[in-house]
């Protein structure tokens, strides 16, 4: 904390404490993109495993990805979003699926 001294009308000092404003770190949306090859069951498994969704939630999100081409699967700090994207991409690659996962600033 820094201190500023201001003179009031009587000539006496008034100590005013100022607090530095802390900005919240920016958040990032993690997006799952549709493709014509990755099985729906695999997408559901990814959502359950890496995003902690129940089977029902994962199924709904998978349908959104399938119908709309993309869905936000979570919002995280930069580091966590980056890690989730890397985990999903690595997992998809290891299972030979072209599933794409990206992130963008909210």
N, C-alpha and C. Protein backbone atom coordinates (compact mmCIF):
# COMPACT_ATOMS: atom_id res chain seq x y z
N UNK A 1 0.83 -1.18 0.00
CA UNK A 1 0.00 0.00 0.00
C UNK A 1 0.87 1.24 0.00
N UNK A 2 0.47 2.21 -0.77
CA UNK A 2 1.21 3.47 -0.76
C UNK A 2 0.39 4.49 0.02
N UNK A 3 1.05 5.50 0.49
CA UNK A 3 0.36 6.52 1.27
C UNK A 3 0.51 7.87 0.59
N UNK A 4 -0.58 8.58 0.50
CA UNK A 4 -0.54 9.94 -0.04
C UNK A 4 -0.93 10.89 1.08
N UNK A 5 -0.18 12.00 1.19
CA UNK A 5 -0.54 13.00 2.20
C UNK A 5 -1.16 14.19 1.49
N UNK A 6 -2.35 14.55 1.91
CA UNK A 6 -3.02 15.72 1.35
C UNK A 6 -3.26 16.72 2.48
N UNK A 7 -3.21 17.99 2.13
CA UNK A 7 -3.51 19.03 3.10
C UNK A 7 -5.01 19.28 3.10
N UNK A 8 -5.64 19.30 4.28
CA UNK A 8 -7.06 19.67 4.28
C UNK A 8 -7.16 21.16 4.52
N UNK A 9 -8.35 21.68 4.64
CA UNK A 9 -8.57 23.13 4.74
C UNK A 9 -7.94 23.76 5.98
N UNK A 10 -7.72 22.98 7.03
CA UNK A 10 -7.16 23.52 8.26
C UNK A 10 -5.64 23.49 8.27
N UNK A 11 -5.03 23.01 7.17
CA UNK A 11 -3.58 22.96 7.13
C UNK A 11 -3.01 21.72 7.79
N UNK A 12 -3.87 20.82 8.25
CA UNK A 12 -3.36 19.59 8.84
C UNK A 12 -3.25 18.53 7.76
N UNK A 13 -2.38 17.57 7.98
CA UNK A 13 -2.18 16.50 6.99
C UNK A 13 -3.23 15.42 7.17
N UNK A 14 -3.70 14.93 6.06
CA UNK A 14 -4.62 13.79 6.07
C UNK A 14 -3.93 12.66 5.31
N UNK A 15 -3.85 11.51 5.94
CA UNK A 15 -3.21 10.37 5.30
C UNK A 15 -4.30 9.55 4.60
N UNK A 16 -4.10 9.37 3.30
CA UNK A 16 -5.06 8.59 2.51
C UNK A 16 -4.35 7.35 1.99
N UNK A 17 -4.90 6.19 2.32
CA UNK A 17 -4.29 4.95 1.84
C UNK A 17 -4.91 4.58 0.49
N UNK A 18 -4.04 4.26 -0.45
CA UNK A 18 -4.54 3.82 -1.74
C UNK A 18 -4.11 2.39 -1.97
N UNK A 19 -5.02 1.61 -2.49
CA UNK A 19 -4.74 0.20 -2.76
C UNK A 19 -4.54 0.02 -4.25
N UNK A 20 -3.48 -0.69 -4.64
CA UNK A 20 -3.32 -0.94 -6.07
C UNK A 20 -4.46 -1.84 -6.56
N UNK A 21 -5.01 -1.52 -7.72
CA UNK A 21 -6.10 -2.33 -8.27
C UNK A 21 -5.51 -3.60 -8.86
N UNK A 22 -6.00 -4.75 -8.42
CA UNK A 22 -5.53 -6.00 -8.99
C UNK A 22 -6.52 -6.45 -10.05
N UNK A 23 -5.99 -6.65 -11.24
CA UNK A 23 -6.83 -7.09 -12.35
C UNK A 23 -6.92 -8.60 -12.32
N UNK A 24 -8.11 -9.12 -12.63
CA UNK A 24 -8.27 -10.56 -12.74
C UNK A 24 -7.56 -11.01 -14.00
N UNK A 25 -6.92 -12.17 -13.93
CA UNK A 25 -6.27 -12.66 -15.14
C UNK A 25 -7.33 -12.99 -16.20
N UNK A 26 -7.01 -12.83 -17.47
CA UNK A 26 -8.00 -13.12 -18.51
C UNK A 26 -8.33 -14.62 -18.53
N UNK A 27 -9.56 -14.92 -18.89
CA UNK A 27 -9.98 -16.31 -18.97
C UNK A 27 -10.03 -16.74 -20.43
N UNK A 28 -9.91 -18.03 -20.64
CA UNK A 28 -9.87 -18.58 -21.99
C UNK A 28 -10.90 -19.68 -22.14
N UNK A 29 -11.63 -19.63 -23.27
CA UNK A 29 -12.60 -20.66 -23.58
C UNK A 29 -11.87 -21.81 -24.28
N UNK A 30 -12.17 -23.03 -23.87
CA UNK A 30 -11.65 -24.20 -24.56
C UNK A 30 -12.77 -24.70 -25.46
N UNK A 31 -12.44 -24.85 -26.76
CA UNK A 31 -13.43 -25.21 -27.76
C UNK A 31 -13.11 -26.58 -28.36
N UNK A 32 -14.16 -27.34 -28.59
CA UNK A 32 -14.03 -28.63 -29.27
C UNK A 32 -14.67 -28.45 -30.64
N UNK A 33 -13.96 -28.89 -31.69
CA UNK A 33 -14.43 -28.70 -33.06
C UNK A 33 -14.92 -30.02 -33.65
N UNK A 34 -15.95 -29.94 -34.44
CA UNK A 34 -16.51 -31.13 -35.08
C UNK A 34 -15.65 -31.58 -36.26
N UNK A 35 -15.65 -32.88 -36.50
CA UNK A 35 -15.05 -33.42 -37.72
C UNK A 35 -15.90 -34.62 -38.13
N UNK A 36 -15.67 -35.13 -39.32
CA UNK A 36 -16.50 -36.22 -39.83
C UNK A 36 -15.97 -37.61 -39.48
N UNK A 37 -14.91 -37.70 -38.69
CA UNK A 37 -14.27 -38.99 -38.46
C UNK A 37 -14.24 -39.45 -37.01
N UNK A 38 -14.12 -38.51 -36.06
CA UNK A 38 -14.01 -38.90 -34.66
C UNK A 38 -15.36 -39.45 -34.18
N UNK A 39 -15.36 -40.67 -33.62
CA UNK A 39 -16.62 -41.24 -33.13
C UNK A 39 -17.21 -40.43 -31.98
N UNK A 40 -18.53 -40.35 -31.96
CA UNK A 40 -19.23 -39.60 -30.91
C UNK A 40 -18.88 -40.13 -29.52
N UNK A 41 -18.72 -41.44 -29.40
CA UNK A 41 -18.40 -42.05 -28.10
C UNK A 41 -17.04 -41.57 -27.60
N UNK A 42 -16.10 -41.38 -28.53
CA UNK A 42 -14.77 -40.91 -28.15
C UNK A 42 -14.86 -39.48 -27.60
N UNK A 43 -15.67 -38.64 -28.26
CA UNK A 43 -15.84 -37.25 -27.81
C UNK A 43 -16.45 -37.23 -26.41
N UNK A 44 -17.45 -38.08 -26.18
CA UNK A 44 -18.08 -38.17 -24.86
C UNK A 44 -17.03 -38.58 -23.82
N UNK A 45 -16.20 -39.56 -24.15
CA UNK A 45 -15.16 -40.03 -23.23
C UNK A 45 -14.16 -38.91 -22.91
N UNK A 46 -13.79 -38.12 -23.92
CA UNK A 46 -12.87 -36.99 -23.72
C UNK A 46 -13.49 -35.96 -22.76
N UNK A 47 -14.75 -35.65 -22.97
CA UNK A 47 -15.42 -34.65 -22.13
C UNK A 47 -15.53 -35.13 -20.68
N UNK A 48 -15.80 -36.41 -20.50
CA UNK A 48 -15.87 -36.96 -19.14
C UNK A 48 -14.49 -36.96 -18.48
N UNK A 49 -13.50 -37.40 -19.23
CA UNK A 49 -12.15 -37.58 -18.68
C UNK A 49 -11.44 -36.26 -18.39
N UNK A 50 -11.47 -35.32 -19.34
CA UNK A 50 -10.66 -34.10 -19.20
C UNK A 50 -11.43 -32.89 -18.68
N UNK A 51 -12.76 -32.96 -18.72
CA UNK A 51 -13.54 -31.80 -18.29
C UNK A 51 -14.50 -32.13 -17.15
N UNK A 52 -14.39 -33.35 -16.62
CA UNK A 52 -15.15 -33.73 -15.42
C UNK A 52 -16.66 -33.73 -15.60
N UNK A 53 -17.12 -33.92 -16.83
CA UNK A 53 -18.56 -33.92 -17.07
C UNK A 53 -19.15 -35.29 -16.77
N UNK A 54 -20.43 -35.28 -16.39
CA UNK A 54 -21.15 -36.54 -16.25
C UNK A 54 -21.40 -37.07 -17.66
N UNK A 55 -21.83 -38.32 -17.75
CA UNK A 55 -22.10 -38.89 -19.06
C UNK A 55 -23.19 -38.09 -19.78
N UNK A 56 -24.23 -37.71 -19.05
CA UNK A 56 -25.34 -36.95 -19.65
C UNK A 56 -24.87 -35.58 -20.15
N UNK A 57 -24.07 -34.89 -19.34
CA UNK A 57 -23.55 -33.57 -19.76
C UNK A 57 -22.67 -33.73 -21.00
N UNK A 58 -21.79 -34.70 -20.96
CA UNK A 58 -20.87 -34.93 -22.06
C UNK A 58 -21.63 -35.26 -23.35
N UNK A 59 -22.70 -36.04 -23.23
CA UNK A 59 -23.50 -36.40 -24.39
C UNK A 59 -24.15 -35.16 -25.00
N UNK A 60 -24.68 -34.29 -24.15
CA UNK A 60 -25.31 -33.04 -24.63
C UNK A 60 -24.30 -32.15 -25.35
N UNK A 61 -23.12 -31.98 -24.76
CA UNK A 61 -22.09 -31.14 -25.37
C UNK A 61 -21.62 -31.75 -26.69
N UNK A 62 -21.47 -33.07 -26.71
CA UNK A 62 -21.06 -33.75 -27.94
C UNK A 62 -22.08 -33.48 -29.04
N UNK A 63 -23.37 -33.53 -28.71
CA UNK A 63 -24.42 -33.25 -29.71
C UNK A 63 -24.32 -31.81 -30.21
N UNK A 64 -24.00 -30.88 -29.32
CA UNK A 64 -23.82 -29.48 -29.72
C UNK A 64 -22.66 -29.37 -30.71
N UNK A 65 -21.55 -30.02 -30.40
CA UNK A 65 -20.38 -30.01 -31.29
C UNK A 65 -20.78 -30.59 -32.64
N UNK A 66 -21.51 -31.69 -32.60
CA UNK A 66 -21.92 -32.38 -33.83
C UNK A 66 -22.85 -31.51 -34.69
N UNK A 67 -23.81 -30.85 -34.04
CA UNK A 67 -24.81 -30.07 -34.78
C UNK A 67 -24.31 -28.68 -35.19
N UNK A 68 -23.58 -28.01 -34.29
CA UNK A 68 -23.17 -26.63 -34.55
C UNK A 68 -21.74 -26.50 -35.06
N UNK A 69 -20.98 -27.58 -34.98
CA UNK A 69 -19.61 -27.56 -35.46
C UNK A 69 -18.57 -27.20 -34.42
N UNK A 70 -19.02 -26.64 -33.31
CA UNK A 70 -18.10 -26.22 -32.25
C UNK A 70 -18.89 -26.03 -30.95
N UNK A 71 -18.22 -26.23 -29.82
CA UNK A 71 -18.84 -25.94 -28.52
C UNK A 71 -17.77 -25.56 -27.52
N UNK A 72 -18.13 -24.66 -26.62
CA UNK A 72 -17.25 -24.30 -25.51
C UNK A 72 -17.38 -25.41 -24.47
N UNK A 73 -16.27 -26.01 -24.11
CA UNK A 73 -16.31 -27.12 -23.15
C UNK A 73 -15.79 -26.73 -21.77
N UNK A 74 -15.33 -25.49 -21.64
CA UNK A 74 -14.88 -25.00 -20.35
C UNK A 74 -14.21 -23.64 -20.48
N UNK A 75 -14.12 -22.93 -19.37
CA UNK A 75 -13.46 -21.62 -19.32
C UNK A 75 -12.46 -21.66 -18.17
N UNK A 76 -11.21 -21.36 -18.50
CA UNK A 76 -10.12 -21.54 -17.54
C UNK A 76 -9.10 -20.41 -17.64
N UNK A 77 -8.17 -20.40 -16.68
CA UNK A 77 -7.02 -19.50 -16.79
C UNK A 77 -6.20 -19.97 -17.99
N UNK A 78 -5.28 -19.13 -18.45
CA UNK A 78 -4.48 -19.44 -19.64
C UNK A 78 -3.75 -20.78 -19.50
N UNK A 79 -3.08 -20.97 -18.35
CA UNK A 79 -2.27 -22.17 -18.16
C UNK A 79 -3.13 -23.43 -18.17
N UNK A 80 -4.26 -23.39 -17.50
CA UNK A 80 -5.12 -24.57 -17.43
C UNK A 80 -5.74 -24.85 -18.80
N UNK A 81 -6.18 -23.80 -19.49
CA UNK A 81 -6.76 -23.98 -20.83
C UNK A 81 -5.73 -24.61 -21.77
N UNK A 82 -4.51 -24.10 -21.70
CA UNK A 82 -3.42 -24.62 -22.55
C UNK A 82 -3.17 -26.10 -22.27
N UNK A 83 -3.17 -26.45 -20.99
CA UNK A 83 -2.95 -27.84 -20.59
C UNK A 83 -4.08 -28.74 -21.08
N UNK A 84 -5.33 -28.28 -20.92
CA UNK A 84 -6.48 -29.08 -21.38
C UNK A 84 -6.41 -29.32 -22.88
N UNK A 85 -6.11 -28.27 -23.65
CA UNK A 85 -6.00 -28.40 -25.11
C UNK A 85 -4.93 -29.43 -25.46
N UNK A 86 -3.77 -29.32 -24.81
CA UNK A 86 -2.67 -30.25 -25.08
C UNK A 86 -3.06 -31.69 -24.72
N UNK A 87 -3.73 -31.87 -23.58
CA UNK A 87 -4.14 -33.21 -23.16
C UNK A 87 -5.11 -33.83 -24.16
N UNK A 88 -6.10 -33.05 -24.59
CA UNK A 88 -7.11 -33.56 -25.53
C UNK A 88 -6.46 -33.89 -26.87
N UNK A 89 -5.62 -32.99 -27.37
CA UNK A 89 -4.97 -33.21 -28.66
C UNK A 89 -4.07 -34.44 -28.62
N UNK A 90 -3.34 -34.60 -27.53
CA UNK A 90 -2.44 -35.75 -27.38
C UNK A 90 -3.25 -37.05 -27.30
N UNK A 91 -4.30 -37.03 -26.51
CA UNK A 91 -5.16 -38.21 -26.34
C UNK A 91 -5.80 -38.60 -27.68
N UNK A 92 -6.29 -37.63 -28.43
CA UNK A 92 -6.91 -37.89 -29.74
C UNK A 92 -5.87 -38.46 -30.71
N UNK A 93 -4.69 -37.87 -30.72
CA UNK A 93 -3.62 -38.34 -31.60
C UNK A 93 -3.24 -39.79 -31.28
N UNK A 94 -3.10 -40.08 -29.98
CA UNK A 94 -2.73 -41.44 -29.56
C UNK A 94 -3.79 -42.47 -29.96
N UNK A 95 -5.04 -42.01 -30.06
CA UNK A 95 -6.12 -42.91 -30.47
C UNK A 95 -6.44 -42.78 -31.96
N UNK A 96 -5.58 -42.06 -32.67
CA UNK A 96 -5.67 -41.87 -34.12
C UNK A 96 -7.00 -41.25 -34.57
N UNK A 97 -7.43 -40.22 -33.81
CA UNK A 97 -8.63 -39.47 -34.18
C UNK A 97 -8.20 -38.04 -34.50
N UNK A 98 -8.85 -37.42 -35.50
CA UNK A 98 -8.48 -36.05 -35.88
C UNK A 98 -9.16 -34.96 -35.05
N UNK A 99 -9.69 -35.31 -33.89
CA UNK A 99 -10.40 -34.35 -33.03
C UNK A 99 -9.54 -33.11 -32.78
N UNK A 100 -10.12 -31.94 -32.94
CA UNK A 100 -9.41 -30.69 -32.72
C UNK A 100 -9.96 -29.96 -31.50
N UNK A 101 -9.05 -29.42 -30.70
CA UNK A 101 -9.40 -28.68 -29.51
C UNK A 101 -8.57 -27.40 -29.54
N UNK A 102 -9.21 -26.26 -29.33
CA UNK A 102 -8.50 -24.98 -29.36
C UNK A 102 -8.92 -24.13 -28.17
N UNK A 103 -8.27 -22.99 -28.04
CA UNK A 103 -8.64 -22.05 -26.97
C UNK A 103 -8.65 -20.64 -27.53
N UNK A 104 -9.50 -19.80 -26.95
CA UNK A 104 -9.51 -18.39 -27.33
C UNK A 104 -9.87 -17.54 -26.12
N UNK A 105 -9.37 -16.34 -26.12
CA UNK A 105 -9.60 -15.41 -25.01
C UNK A 105 -11.09 -15.10 -24.92
N UNK A 106 -11.59 -15.09 -23.69
CA UNK A 106 -13.01 -14.83 -23.49
C UNK A 106 -13.34 -13.36 -23.69
